[in-house]
PDB file of all heavy atoms in Angstrom:
ATOM      1  N   GLN A   1      -0.793  -0.553   2.805  1.00  0.00           N
ATOM      2  CA  GLN A   1      -1.115   0.769   3.482  1.00  0.00           C
ATOM      3  C   GLN A   1      -0.262   1.903   2.885  1.00  0.00           C
ATOM      4  O   GLN A   1       0.702   1.645   2.085  1.00  0.00           O
ATOM      5  CB  GLN A   1      -0.840   0.602   5.014  1.00  0.00           C
ATOM      6  CG  GLN A   1      -1.710  -0.357   5.728  1.00  0.00           C
ATOM      7  CD  GLN A   1      -1.280  -0.600   7.154  1.00  0.00           C
ATOM      8  OE1 GLN A   1      -0.179  -1.055   7.401  1.00  0.00           O
ATOM      9  NE2 GLN A   1      -2.140  -0.283   8.043  1.00  0.00           N
ATOM     10  N   LYS A   2      -0.535   3.090   3.360  1.00  0.00           N
ATOM     11  CA  LYS A   2       0.210   4.223   2.864  1.00  0.00           C
ATOM     12  C   LYS A   2       1.563   4.272   3.594  1.00  0.00           C
ATOM     13  O   LYS A   2       2.589   4.569   3.005  1.00  0.00           O
ATOM     14  CB  LYS A   2      -0.585   5.554   3.182  1.00  0.00           C
ATOM     15  CG  LYS A   2       0.155   6.776   2.872  1.00  0.00           C
ATOM     16  CD  LYS A   2      -0.715   8.010   3.123  1.00  0.00           C
ATOM     17  CE  LYS A   2       0.026   9.319   2.888  1.00  0.00           C
ATOM     18  NZ  LYS A   2      -0.828  10.545   3.130  1.00  0.00           N
ATOM     19  N   TRP A   3       1.522   4.013   4.897  1.00  0.00           N
ATOM     20  CA  TRP A   3       2.763   4.158   5.707  1.00  0.00           C
ATOM     21  C   TRP A   3       3.324   2.827   6.051  1.00  0.00           C
ATOM     22  O   TRP A   3       2.582   1.910   6.389  1.00  0.00           O
ATOM     23  CB  TRP A   3       2.400   4.910   6.979  1.00  0.00           C
ATOM     24  CG  TRP A   3       1.898   6.291   6.766  1.00  0.00           C
ATOM     25  CD1 TRP A   3       0.618   6.708   6.719  1.00  0.00           C
ATOM     26  CD2 TRP A   3       2.680   7.500   6.587  1.00  0.00           C
ATOM     27  NE1 TRP A   3       0.530   8.036   6.507  1.00  0.00           N
ATOM     28  CE2 TRP A   3       1.860   8.573   6.468  1.00  0.00           C
ATOM     29  CE3 TRP A   3       4.101   7.733   6.619  1.00  0.00           C
ATOM     30  CZ2 TRP A   3       2.276   9.911   6.269  1.00  0.00           C
ATOM     31  CZ3 TRP A   3       4.561   9.052   6.459  1.00  0.00           C
ATOM     32  CH2 TRP A   3       3.600  10.112   6.246  1.00  0.00           C
ATOM     33  N   PRO A   4       4.652   2.672   6.072  1.00  0.00           N
ATOM     34  CA  PRO A   4       5.241   1.433   6.571  1.00  0.00           C
ATOM     35  C   PRO A   4       5.261   1.435   8.045  1.00  0.00           C
ATOM     36  O   PRO A   4       5.252   2.485   8.716  1.00  0.00           O
ATOM     37  CB  PRO A   4       6.667   1.510   5.938  1.00  0.00           C
ATOM     38  CG  PRO A   4       6.962   3.002   5.868  1.00  0.00           C
ATOM     39  CD  PRO A   4       5.690   3.643   5.551  1.00  0.00           C
ATOM     40  N   TRP A   5       5.340   0.247   8.675  1.00  0.00           N
ATOM     41  CA  TRP A   5       5.420   0.078  10.058  1.00  0.00           C
ATOM     42  C   TRP A   5       6.839   0.388  10.593  1.00  0.00           C
ATOM     43  O   TRP A   5       6.999   0.739  11.792  1.00  0.00           O
ATOM     44  CB  TRP A   5       4.965  -1.295  10.480  1.00  0.00           C
ATOM     45  CG  TRP A   5       3.547  -1.601  10.302  1.00  0.00           C
ATOM     46  CD1 TRP A   5       2.616  -0.670   9.939  1.00  0.00           C
ATOM     47  CD2 TRP A   5       2.846  -2.825  10.435  1.00  0.00           C
ATOM     48  NE1 TRP A   5       1.358  -1.270   9.857  1.00  0.00           N
ATOM     49  CE2 TRP A   5       1.501  -2.593  10.175  1.00  0.00           C
ATOM     50  CE3 TRP A   5       3.318  -4.095  10.777  1.00  0.00           C
ATOM     51  CZ2 TRP A   5       0.549  -3.571  10.226  1.00  0.00           C
ATOM     52  CZ3 TRP A   5       2.339  -5.139  10.798  1.00  0.00           C
ATOM     53  CH2 TRP A   5       1.005  -4.903  10.563  1.00  0.00           C
ATOM     54  N   ALA A   6       7.825   0.284   9.742  1.00  0.00           N
ATOM     55  CA  ALA A   6       9.209   0.532  10.144  1.00  0.00           C
ATOM     56  C   ALA A   6       9.892   1.409   9.118  1.00  0.00           C
ATOM     57  O   ALA A   6       9.769   1.086   7.948  1.00  0.00           O
ATOM     58  CB  ALA A   6       9.943  -0.746  10.356  1.00  0.00           C
ATOM     59  N   PHE A   7      10.458   2.492   9.533  1.00  0.00           N
ATOM     60  CA  PHE A   7      11.180   3.372   8.653  1.00  0.00           C
ATOM     61  C   PHE A   7      12.665   3.003   8.691  1.00  0.00           C
ATOM     62  O   PHE A   7      13.228   2.748   9.716  1.00  0.00           O
ATOM     63  CB  PHE A   7      11.030   4.843   9.060  1.00  0.00           C
ATOM     64  CG  PHE A   7       9.639   5.368   8.909  1.00  0.00           C
ATOM     65  CD1 PHE A   7       8.662   5.210   9.880  1.00  0.00           C
ATOM     66  CD2 PHE A   7       9.234   6.029   7.716  1.00  0.00           C
ATOM     67  CE1 PHE A   7       7.394   5.663   9.786  1.00  0.00           C
ATOM     68  CE2 PHE A   7       7.958   6.524   7.564  1.00  0.00           C
ATOM     69  CZ  PHE A   7       7.057   6.327   8.572  1.00  0.00           C
ATOM     70  N   GLY A   8      13.258   3.028   7.540  1.00  0.00           N
ATOM     71  CA  GLY A   8      14.693   2.714   7.497  1.00  0.00           C
ATOM     72  C   GLY A   8      15.394   3.422   6.374  1.00  0.00           C
ATOM     73  O   GLY A   8      14.811   3.871   5.442  1.00  0.00           O
ATOM     74  N   GLY A   9      16.728   3.459   6.422  1.00  0.00           N
ATOM     75  CA  GLY A   9      17.490   4.061   5.364  1.00  0.00           C
ATOM     76  C   GLY A   9      17.300   5.584   5.414  1.00  0.00           C
ATOM     77  O   GLY A   9      16.971   6.166   6.416  1.00  0.00           O
ATOM     78  N   SER A  10      17.545   6.205   4.293  1.00  0.00           N
ATOM     79  CA  SER A  10      17.477   7.636   4.143  1.00  0.00           C
ATOM     80  C   SER A  10      16.340   8.066   3.292  1.00  0.00           C
ATOM     81  O   SER A  10      16.383   9.150   2.672  1.00  0.00           O
ATOM     82  CB  SER A  10      18.733   8.227   3.562  1.00  0.00           C
ATOM     83  OG  SER A  10      19.005   7.655   2.259  1.00  0.00           O
ATOM     84  N   TYR A  11      15.263   7.277   3.296  1.00  0.00           N
ATOM     85  CA  TYR A  11      14.116   7.588   2.491  1.00  0.00           C
ATOM     86  C   TYR A  11      13.370   8.876   3.067  1.00  0.00           C
ATOM     87  O   TYR A  11      13.026   8.890   4.211  1.00  0.00           O
ATOM     88  CB  TYR A  11      13.101   6.415   2.486  1.00  0.00           C
ATOM     89  CG  TYR A  11      12.017   6.499   1.397  1.00  0.00           C
ATOM     90  CD1 TYR A  11      12.355   5.928   0.138  1.00  0.00           C
ATOM     91  CD2 TYR A  11      10.831   7.083   1.641  1.00  0.00           C
ATOM     92  CE1 TYR A  11      11.417   5.988  -0.822  1.00  0.00           C
ATOM     93  CE2 TYR A  11       9.837   7.111   0.695  1.00  0.00           C
ATOM     94  CZ  TYR A  11      10.153   6.590  -0.610  1.00  0.00           C
ATOM     95  OH  TYR A  11       9.222   6.626  -1.563  1.00  0.00           O
ATOM     96  N   PRO A  12      13.209   9.892   2.231  1.00  0.00           N
ATOM     97  CA  PRO A  12      12.660  11.193   2.751  1.00  0.00           C
ATOM     98  C   PRO A  12      11.248  10.929   3.285  1.00  0.00           C
ATOM     99  O   PRO A  12      10.400  10.281   2.523  1.00  0.00           O
ATOM    100  CB  PRO A  12      12.674  12.085   1.465  1.00  0.00           C
ATOM    101  CG  PRO A  12      13.711  11.448   0.587  1.00  0.00           C
ATOM    102  CD  PRO A  12      13.642   9.981   0.833  1.00  0.00           C
ATOM    103  N   TRP A  13      10.921  11.526   4.340  1.00  0.00           N
ATOM    104  CA  TRP A  13       9.566  11.301   4.943  1.00  0.00           C
ATOM    105  C   TRP A  13       8.483  11.918   4.047  1.00  0.00           C
ATOM    106  O   TRP A  13       7.334  11.444   4.041  1.00  0.00           O
ATOM    107  CB  TRP A  13       9.510  11.937   6.322  1.00  0.00           C
ATOM    108  CG  TRP A  13       9.657  13.464   6.341  1.00  0.00           C
ATOM    109  CD1 TRP A  13      10.816  14.170   6.412  1.00  0.00           C
ATOM    110  CD2 TRP A  13       8.650  14.438   6.176  1.00  0.00           C
ATOM    111  NE1 TRP A  13      10.589  15.480   6.374  1.00  0.00           N
ATOM    112  CE2 TRP A  13       9.259  15.685   6.245  1.00  0.00           C
ATOM    113  CE3 TRP A  13       7.246  14.366   6.075  1.00  0.00           C
ATOM    114  CZ2 TRP A  13       8.479  16.858   6.180  1.00  0.00           C
ATOM    115  CZ3 TRP A  13       6.483  15.537   5.974  1.00  0.00           C
ATOM    116  CH2 TRP A  13       7.112  16.771   6.013  1.00  0.00           C
ATOM    117  N   TRP A  14       8.785  13.002   3.319  1.00  0.00           N
ATOM    118  CA  TRP A  14       7.722  13.632   2.514  1.00  0.00           C
ATOM    119  C   TRP A  14       7.230  12.716   1.340  1.00  0.00           C
ATOM    120  O   TRP A  14       6.162  12.860   0.880  1.00  0.00           O
ATOM    121  CB  TRP A  14       8.235  14.935   2.016  1.00  0.00           C
ATOM    122  CG  TRP A  14       9.464  14.920   1.121  1.00  0.00           C
ATOM    123  CD1 TRP A  14       9.542  14.647  -0.252  1.00  0.00           C
ATOM    124  CD2 TRP A  14      10.755  15.156   1.530  1.00  0.00           C
ATOM    125  NE1 TRP A  14      10.808  14.722  -0.666  1.00  0.00           N
ATOM    126  CE2 TRP A  14      11.614  15.004   0.432  1.00  0.00           C
ATOM    127  CE3 TRP A  14      11.373  15.408   2.787  1.00  0.00           C
ATOM    128  CZ2 TRP A  14      12.978  15.088   0.456  1.00  0.00           C
ATOM    129  CZ3 TRP A  14      12.761  15.521   2.843  1.00  0.00           C
ATOM    130  CH2 TRP A  14      13.567  15.389   1.727  1.00  0.00           C
ATOM    131  N   LYS A  15       8.058  11.754   0.928  1.00  0.00           N
ATOM    132  CA  LYS A  15       7.664  10.791  -0.054  1.00  0.00           C
ATOM    133  C   LYS A  15       6.582   9.877   0.476  1.00  0.00           C
ATOM    134  O   LYS A  15       5.641   9.573  -0.271  1.00  0.00           O
ATOM    135  CB  LYS A  15       8.837  10.072  -0.615  1.00  0.00           C
ATOM    136  CG  LYS A  15       9.774  10.852  -1.460  1.00  0.00           C
ATOM    137  CD  LYS A  15      10.717   9.956  -2.203  1.00  0.00           C
ATOM    138  CE  LYS A  15      11.696  10.748  -3.160  1.00  0.00           C
ATOM    139  NZ  LYS A  15      12.663   9.904  -3.892  1.00  0.00           N
ATOM    140  N   TYR A  16       6.680   9.531   1.670  1.00  0.00           N
ATOM    141  CA  TYR A  16       5.661   8.720   2.366  1.00  0.00           C
ATOM    142  C   TYR A  16       4.370   9.552   2.450  1.00  0.00           C
ATOM    143  O   TYR A  16       3.276   9.069   2.281  1.00  0.00           O
ATOM    144  CB  TYR A  16       6.081   8.253   3.772  1.00  0.00           C
ATOM    145  CG  TYR A  16       7.173   7.216   3.789  1.00  0.00           C
ATOM    146  CD1 TYR A  16       8.501   7.543   4.261  1.00  0.00           C
ATOM    147  CD2 TYR A  16       6.922   5.925   3.390  1.00  0.00           C
ATOM    148  CE1 TYR A  16       9.485   6.630   4.295  1.00  0.00           C
ATOM    149  CE2 TYR A  16       7.921   4.951   3.395  1.00  0.00           C
ATOM    150  CZ  TYR A  16       9.229   5.280   3.858  1.00  0.00           C
ATOM    151  OH  TYR A  16      10.228   4.383   3.865  1.00  0.00           O
ATOM    152  N   PHE A  17       4.537  10.849   2.857  1.00  0.00           N
ATOM    153  CA  PHE A  17       3.475  11.667   3.103  1.00  0.00           C
ATOM    154  C   PHE A  17       2.661  11.922   1.772  1.00  0.00           C
ATOM    155  O   PHE A  17       1.397  12.069   1.805  1.00  0.00           O
ATOM    156  CB  PHE A  17       3.908  12.986   3.616  1.00  0.00           C
ATOM    157  CG  PHE A  17       2.848  13.950   3.969  1.00  0.00           C
ATOM    158  CD1 PHE A  17       2.103  13.787   5.181  1.00  0.00           C
ATOM    159  CD2 PHE A  17       2.402  15.033   3.157  1.00  0.00           C
ATOM    160  CE1 PHE A  17       1.074  14.664   5.577  1.00  0.00           C
ATOM    161  CE2 PHE A  17       1.443  15.903   3.546  1.00  0.00           C
ATOM    162  CZ  PHE A  17       0.747  15.689   4.722  1.00  0.00           C
ATOM    163  N   GLN A  18       3.363  11.966   0.685  1.00  0.00           N
ATOM    164  CA  GLN A  18       2.688  12.196  -0.652  1.00  0.00           C
ATOM    165  C   GLN A  18       2.018  10.935  -1.228  1.00  0.00           C
ATOM    166  O   GLN A  18       1.372  11.050  -2.273  1.00  0.00           O
ATOM    167  CB  GLN A  18       3.756  12.731  -1.608  1.00  0.00           C
ATOM    168  CG  GLN A  18       4.234  14.108  -1.273  1.00  0.00           C
ATOM    169  CD  GLN A  18       5.401  14.598  -2.126  1.00  0.00           C
ATOM    170  OE1 GLN A  18       5.920  13.775  -2.954  1.00  0.00           O
ATOM    171  NE2 GLN A  18       5.824  15.849  -2.003  1.00  0.00           N
ATOM    172  N   ARG A  19       2.251   9.821  -0.660  1.00  0.00           N
ATOM    173  CA  ARG A  19       1.671   8.591  -1.181  1.00  0.00           C
ATOM    174  C   ARG A  19       0.155   8.631  -1.117  1.00  0.00           C
ATOM    175  O   ARG A  19      -0.450   9.137  -0.107  1.00  0.00           O
ATOM    176  CB  ARG A  19       2.090   7.386  -0.399  1.00  0.00           C
ATOM    177  CG  ARG A  19       3.560   6.989  -0.626  1.00  0.00           C
ATOM    178  CD  ARG A  19       3.937   5.824   0.242  1.00  0.00           C
ATOM    179  NE  ARG A  19       5.249   5.184  -0.164  1.00  0.00           N
ATOM    180  CZ  ARG A  19       5.758   4.154   0.442  1.00  0.00           C
ATOM    181  NH1 ARG A  19       5.115   3.524   1.434  1.00  0.00           N
ATOM    182  NH2 ARG A  19       6.939   3.692   0.018  1.00  0.00           N
ATOM    183  N   PRO A  20      -0.577   8.083  -2.100  1.00  0.00           N
ATOM    184  CA  PRO A  20      -2.066   8.004  -1.970  1.00  0.00           C
ATOM    185  C   PRO A  20      -2.537   6.845  -1.044  1.00  0.00           C
ATOM    186  O   PRO A  20      -1.800   5.918  -0.766  1.00  0.00           O
ATOM    187  CB  PRO A  20      -2.491   7.709  -3.407  1.00  0.00           C
ATOM    188  CG  PRO A  20      -1.314   6.943  -3.971  1.00  0.00           C
ATOM    189  CD  PRO A  20      -0.098   7.526  -3.358  1.00  0.00           C
ATOM    190  N   GLU A  21      -3.690   7.059  -0.430  1.00  0.00           N
ATOM    191  CA  GLU A  21      -4.292   6.010   0.464  1.00  0.00           C
ATOM    192  C   GLU A  21      -4.888   4.858  -0.460  1.00  0.00           C
ATOM    193  O   GLU A  21      -5.275   5.100  -1.563  1.00  0.00           O
ATOM    194  CB  GLU A  21      -5.380   6.615   1.291  1.00  0.00           C
ATOM    195  CG  GLU A  21      -4.997   7.614   2.325  1.00  0.00           C
ATOM    196  CD  GLU A  21      -4.445   6.921   3.562  1.00  0.00           C
ATOM    197  OE1 GLU A  21      -4.470   5.680   3.629  1.00  0.00           O
ATOM    198  OE2 GLU A  21      -3.947   7.658   4.469  1.00  0.00           O
ATOM    199  N   PRO A  22      -4.781   3.639   0.071  1.00  0.00           N
ATOM    200  CA  PRO A  22      -5.515   2.534  -0.644  1.00  0.00           C
ATOM    201  C   PRO A  22      -6.947   2.876  -0.890  1.00  0.00           C
ATOM    202  O   PRO A  22      -7.632   3.384   0.072  1.00  0.00           O
ATOM    203  CB  PRO A  22      -5.241   1.368   0.255  1.00  0.00           C
ATOM    204  CG  PRO A  22      -4.053   1.645   1.048  1.00  0.00           C
ATOM    205  CD  PRO A  22      -4.125   3.172   1.244  1.00  0.00           C
ATOM    206  N   THR A  23      -7.489   2.452  -1.964  1.00  0.00           N
ATOM    207  CA  THR A  23      -8.904   2.767  -2.305  1.00  0.00           C
ATOM    208  C   THR A  23      -9.690   1.504  -2.506  1.00  0.00           C
ATOM    209  O   THR A  23      -9.164   0.387  -2.657  1.00  0.00           O
ATOM    210  CB  THR A  23      -8.962   3.617  -3.642  1.00  0.00           C
ATOM    211  OG1 THR A  23      -8.462   2.770  -4.705  1.00  0.00           O
ATOM    212  CG2 THR A  23      -8.132   4.877  -3.520  1.00  0.00           C
ATOM    213  N   ILE A  24     -11.009   1.625  -2.493  1.00  0.00           N
ATOM    214  CA  ILE A  24     -11.951   0.533  -2.727  1.00  0.00           C
ATOM    215  C   ILE A  24     -11.682  -0.055  -4.139  1.00  0.00           C
ATOM    216  O   ILE A  24     -11.832  -1.248  -4.338  1.00  0.00           O
ATOM    217  CB  ILE A  24     -13.392   0.951  -2.490  1.00  0.00           C
ATOM    218  CG1 ILE A  24     -14.335  -0.225  -2.549  1.00  0.00           C
ATOM    219  CG2 ILE A  24     -13.786   2.031  -3.509  1.00  0.00           C
ATOM    220  CD1 ILE A  24     -14.153  -1.175  -1.387  1.00  0.00           C
ATOM    221  N   ARG A  25     -11.354   0.808  -5.105  1.00  0.00           N
ATOM    222  CA  ARG A  25     -11.086   0.301  -6.489  1.00  0.00           C
ATOM    223  C   ARG A  25      -9.883  -0.589  -6.496  1.00  0.00           C
ATOM    224  O   ARG A  25      -9.885  -1.683  -7.117  1.00  0.00           O
ATOM    225  CB  ARG A  25     -10.871   1.538  -7.387  1.00  0.00           C
ATOM    226  CG  ARG A  25     -10.403   1.098  -8.814  1.00  0.00           C
ATOM    227  CD  ARG A  25     -10.291   2.364  -9.719  1.00  0.00           C
ATOM    228  NE  ARG A  25      -9.560   2.010 -10.931  1.00  0.00           N
ATOM    229  CZ  ARG A  25      -8.257   2.116 -11.056  1.00  0.00           C
ATOM    230  NH1 ARG A  25      -7.457   2.588 -10.014  1.00  0.00           N
ATOM    231  NH2 ARG A  25      -7.630   1.778 -12.231  1.00  0.00           N
ATOM    232  N   GLU A  26      -8.809  -0.228  -5.772  1.00  0.00           N
ATOM    233  CA  GLU A  26      -7.620  -1.049  -5.728  1.00  0.00           C
ATOM    234  C   GLU A  26      -7.943  -2.396  -5.012  1.00  0.00           C
ATOM    235  O   GLU A  26      -7.423  -3.433  -5.397  1.00  0.00           O
ATOM    236  CB  GLU A  26      -6.492  -0.325  -4.991  1.00  0.00           C
ATOM    237  CG  GLU A  26      -5.977   0.872  -5.841  1.00  0.00           C
ATOM    238  CD  GLU A  26      -5.118   1.813  -5.023  1.00  0.00           C
ATOM    239  OE1 GLU A  26      -5.115   1.687  -3.796  1.00  0.00           O
ATOM    240  OE2 GLU A  26      -4.448   2.671  -5.625  1.00  0.00           O
ATOM    241  N   PHE A  27      -8.778  -2.300  -3.979  1.00  0.00           N
ATOM    242  CA  PHE A  27      -9.156  -3.498  -3.284  1.00  0.00           C
ATOM    243  C   PHE A  27      -9.932  -4.435  -4.202  1.00  0.00           C
ATOM    244  O   PHE A  27      -9.617  -5.655  -4.205  1.00  0.00           O
ATOM    245  CB  PHE A  27     -10.027  -3.168  -2.078  1.00  0.00           C
ATOM    246  CG  PHE A  27     -10.827  -4.313  -1.450  1.00  0.00           C
ATOM    247  CD1 PHE A  27     -10.083  -5.412  -0.883  1.00  0.00           C
ATOM    248  CD2 PHE A  27     -12.147  -4.359  -1.593  1.00  0.00           C
ATOM    249  CE1 PHE A  27     -10.831  -6.475  -0.378  1.00  0.00           C
ATOM    250  CE2 PHE A  27     -12.874  -5.496  -1.109  1.00  0.00           C
ATOM    251  CZ  PHE A  27     -12.119  -6.555  -0.485  1.00  0.00           C
ATOM    252  N   ARG A  28     -10.817  -3.941  -4.951  1.00  0.00           N
ATOM    253  CA  ARG A  28     -11.604  -4.734  -5.936  1.00  0.00           C
ATOM    254  C   ARG A  28     -10.737  -5.465  -6.941  1.00  0.00           C
ATOM    255  O   ARG A  28     -10.895  -6.569  -7.274  1.00  0.00           O
ATOM    256  CB  ARG A  28     -12.668  -3.942  -6.658  1.00  0.00           C
ATOM    257  CG  ARG A  28     -13.737  -3.341  -5.740  1.00  0.00           C
ATOM    258  CD  ARG A  28     -14.527  -4.370  -5.029  1.00  0.00           C
ATOM    259  NE  ARG A  28     -15.572  -3.725  -4.218  1.00  0.00           N
ATOM    260  CZ  ARG A  28     -16.195  -4.360  -3.199  1.00  0.00           C
ATOM    261  NH1 ARG A  28     -15.864  -5.617  -2.974  1.00  0.00           N
ATOM    262  NH2 ARG A  28     -17.151  -3.784  -2.596  1.00  0.00           N
ATOM    263  N   GLN A  29      -9.663  -4.726  -7.374  1.00  0.00           N
ATOM    264  CA  GLN A  29      -8.704  -5.311  -8.375  1.00  0.00           C
ATOM    265  C   GLN A  29      -7.965  -6.428  -7.711  1.00  0.00           C
ATOM    266  O   GLN A  29      -7.708  -7.487  -8.292  1.00  0.00           O
ATOM    267  CB  GLN A  29      -7.793  -4.242  -8.877  1.00  0.00           C
ATOM    268  CG  GLN A  29      -8.458  -3.162  -9.751  1.00  0.00           C
ATOM    269  CD  GLN A  29      -8.930  -3.793 -11.105  1.00  0.00           C
ATOM    270  OE1 GLN A  29      -8.226  -4.656 -11.614  1.00  0.00           O
ATOM    271  NE2 GLN A  29     -10.098  -3.356 -11.593  1.00  0.00           N
ATOM    272  N   LEU A  30      -7.447  -6.178  -6.508  1.00  0.00           N
ATOM    273  CA  LEU A  30      -6.732  -7.236  -5.809  1.00  0.00           C
ATOM    274  C   LEU A  30      -7.623  -8.474  -5.478  1.00  0.00           C
ATOM    275  O   LEU A  30      -7.196  -9.609  -5.696  1.00  0.00           O
ATOM    276  CB  LEU A  30      -6.202  -6.693  -4.469  1.00  0.00           C
ATOM    277  CG  LEU A  30      -5.022  -5.727  -4.531  1.00  0.00           C
ATOM    278  CD1 LEU A  30      -4.793  -5.054  -3.226  1.00  0.00           C
ATOM    279  CD2 LEU A  30      -3.790  -6.480  -4.989  1.00  0.00           C
ATOM    280  N   GLU A  31      -8.812  -8.229  -5.051  1.00  0.00           N
ATOM    281  CA  GLU A  31      -9.817  -9.281  -4.782  1.00  0.00           C
ATOM    282  C   GLU A  31     -10.124 -10.137  -6.029  1.00  0.00           C
ATOM    283  O   GLU A  31     -10.250 -11.352  -5.935  1.00  0.00           O
ATOM    284  CB  GLU A  31     -11.041  -8.663  -4.189  1.00  0.00           C
ATOM    285  CG  GLU A  31     -12.059  -9.655  -3.643  1.00  0.00           C
ATOM    286  CD  GLU A  31     -13.273  -9.042  -3.090  1.00  0.00           C
ATOM    287  OE1 GLU A  31     -13.771  -8.012  -3.649  1.00  0.00           O
ATOM    288  OE2 GLU A  31     -13.755  -9.469  -2.027  1.00  0.00           O
ATOM    289  N   ARG A  32     -10.156  -9.440  -7.199  1.00  0.00           N
ATOM    290  CA  ARG A  32     -10.457 -10.102  -8.457  1.00  0.00           C
ATOM    291  C   ARG A  32      -9.298 -10.893  -8.990  1.00  0.00           C
ATOM    292  O   ARG A  32      -9.527 -11.989  -9.526  1.00  0.00           O
ATOM    293  CB  ARG A  32     -11.017  -9.092  -9.463  1.00  0.00           C
ATOM    294  CG  ARG A  32     -11.511  -9.712 -10.744  1.00  0.00           C
ATOM    295  CD  ARG A  32     -12.037  -8.552 -11.671  1.00  0.00           C
ATOM    296  NE  ARG A  32     -13.122  -7.863 -11.117  1.00  0.00           N
ATOM    297  CZ  ARG A  32     -13.085  -6.561 -10.711  1.00  0.00           C
ATOM    298  NH1 ARG A  32     -11.997  -5.875 -10.917  1.00  0.00           N
ATOM    299  NH2 ARG A  32     -14.172  -6.010 -10.198  1.00  0.00           N
ATOM    300  N   HIS A  33      -8.074 -10.438  -8.802  1.00  0.00           N
ATOM    301  CA  HIS A  33      -6.948 -11.022  -9.533  1.00  0.00           C
ATOM    302  C   HIS A  33      -5.996 -11.811  -8.741  1.00  0.00           C
ATOM    303  O   HIS A  33      -5.192 -12.599  -9.279  1.00  0.00           O
ATOM    304  CB  HIS A  33      -6.164  -9.882 -10.302  1.00  0.00           C
ATOM    305  CG  HIS A  33      -6.938  -9.177 -11.338  1.00  0.00           C
ATOM    306  ND1 HIS A  33      -7.460  -7.935 -11.274  1.00  0.00           N
ATOM    307  CD2 HIS A  33      -7.250  -9.619 -12.607  1.00  0.00           C
ATOM    308  CE1 HIS A  33      -8.078  -7.588 -12.309  1.00  0.00           C
ATOM    309  NE2 HIS A  33      -7.990  -8.611 -13.199  1.00  0.00           N
ATOM    310  N   LEU A  34      -6.041 -11.727  -7.454  1.00  0.00           N
ATOM    311  CA  LEU A  34      -5.117 -12.499  -6.558  1.00  0.00           C
ATOM    312  C   LEU A  34      -5.515 -13.958  -6.654  1.00  0.00           C
ATOM    313  O   LEU A  34      -6.663 -14.400  -6.647  1.00  0.00           O
ATOM    314  CB  LEU A  34      -5.194 -12.049  -5.119  1.00  0.00           C
ATOM    315  CG  LEU A  34      -4.500 -10.764  -4.784  1.00  0.00           C
ATOM    316  CD1 LEU A  34      -4.749 -10.331  -3.258  1.00  0.00           C
ATOM    317  CD2 LEU A  34      -3.016 -10.863  -5.011  1.00  0.00           C
ATOM    318  N   THR A  35      -4.436 -14.834  -6.745  1.00  0.00           N
ATOM    319  CA  THR A  35      -4.653 -16.265  -6.839  1.00  0.00           C
ATOM    320  C   THR A  35      -4.022 -17.057  -5.644  1.00  0.00           C
ATOM    321  O   THR A  35      -4.334 -18.204  -5.405  1.00  0.00           O
ATOM    322  CB  THR A  35      -4.006 -16.797  -8.129  1.00  0.00           C
ATOM    323  OG1 THR A  35      -2.631 -16.513  -8.189  1.00  0.00           O
ATOM    324  CG2 THR A  35      -4.714 -16.215  -9.334  1.00  0.00           C
ATOM    325  N   ASN A  36      -3.108 -16.404  -4.887  1.00  0.00           N
ATOM    326  CA  ASN A  36      -2.426 -17.074  -3.781  1.00  0.00           C
ATOM    327  C   ASN A  36      -2.892 -16.670  -2.421  1.00  0.00           C
ATOM    328  O   ASN A  36      -2.207 -16.904  -1.450  1.00  0.00           O
ATOM    329  CB  ASN A  36      -0.872 -16.770  -3.890  1.00  0.00           C
ATOM    330  CG  ASN A  36      -0.181 -17.406  -5.097  1.00  0.00           C
ATOM    331  OD1 ASN A  36      -0.410 -18.601  -5.333  1.00  0.00           O
ATOM    332  ND2 ASN A  36       0.533 -16.673  -5.890  1.00  0.00           N
ATOM    333  N   ASP A  37      -4.091 -16.072  -2.325  1.00  0.00           N
ATOM    334  CA  ASP A  37      -4.605 -15.591  -1.073  1.00  0.00           C
ATOM    335  C   ASP A  37      -5.702 -16.538  -0.509  1.00  0.00           C
ATOM    336  O   ASP A  37      -6.331 -17.236  -1.277  1.00  0.00           O
ATOM    337  CB  ASP A  37      -5.107 -14.136  -1.177  1.00  0.00           C
ATOM    338  CG  ASP A  37      -6.370 -14.072  -2.025  1.00  0.00           C
ATOM    339  OD1 ASP A  37      -6.338 -14.661  -3.156  1.00  0.00           O
ATOM    340  OD2 ASP A  37      -7.402 -13.484  -1.551  1.00  0.00           O
ATOM    341  N   ALA A  38      -5.916 -16.449   0.779  1.00  0.00           N
ATOM    342  CA  ALA A  38      -7.008 -17.155   1.420  1.00  0.00           C
ATOM    343  C   ALA A  38      -8.187 -16.246   1.702  1.00  0.00           C
ATOM    344  O   ALA A  38      -9.221 -16.687   2.186  1.00  0.00           O
ATOM    345  CB  ALA A  38      -6.544 -17.808   2.714  1.00  0.00           C
ATOM    346  N   GLY A  39      -8.052 -14.960   1.389  1.00  0.00           N
ATOM    347  CA  GLY A  39      -9.130 -13.985   1.639  1.00  0.00           C
ATOM    348  C   GLY A  39      -8.489 -12.595   1.747  1.00  0.00           C
ATOM    349  O   GLY A  39      -7.325 -12.417   2.039  1.00  0.00           O
TER     350      GLY A  39
END
């Protein structure tokens, strides 16, 4: 995901805000290349 479930340390919040959202293209790449997953 874009955002972590728990914030910790002194990581600036705006760096989280500037992160891109996961995309369908990234999902296809993970689906194609992962070997240790069950789905």
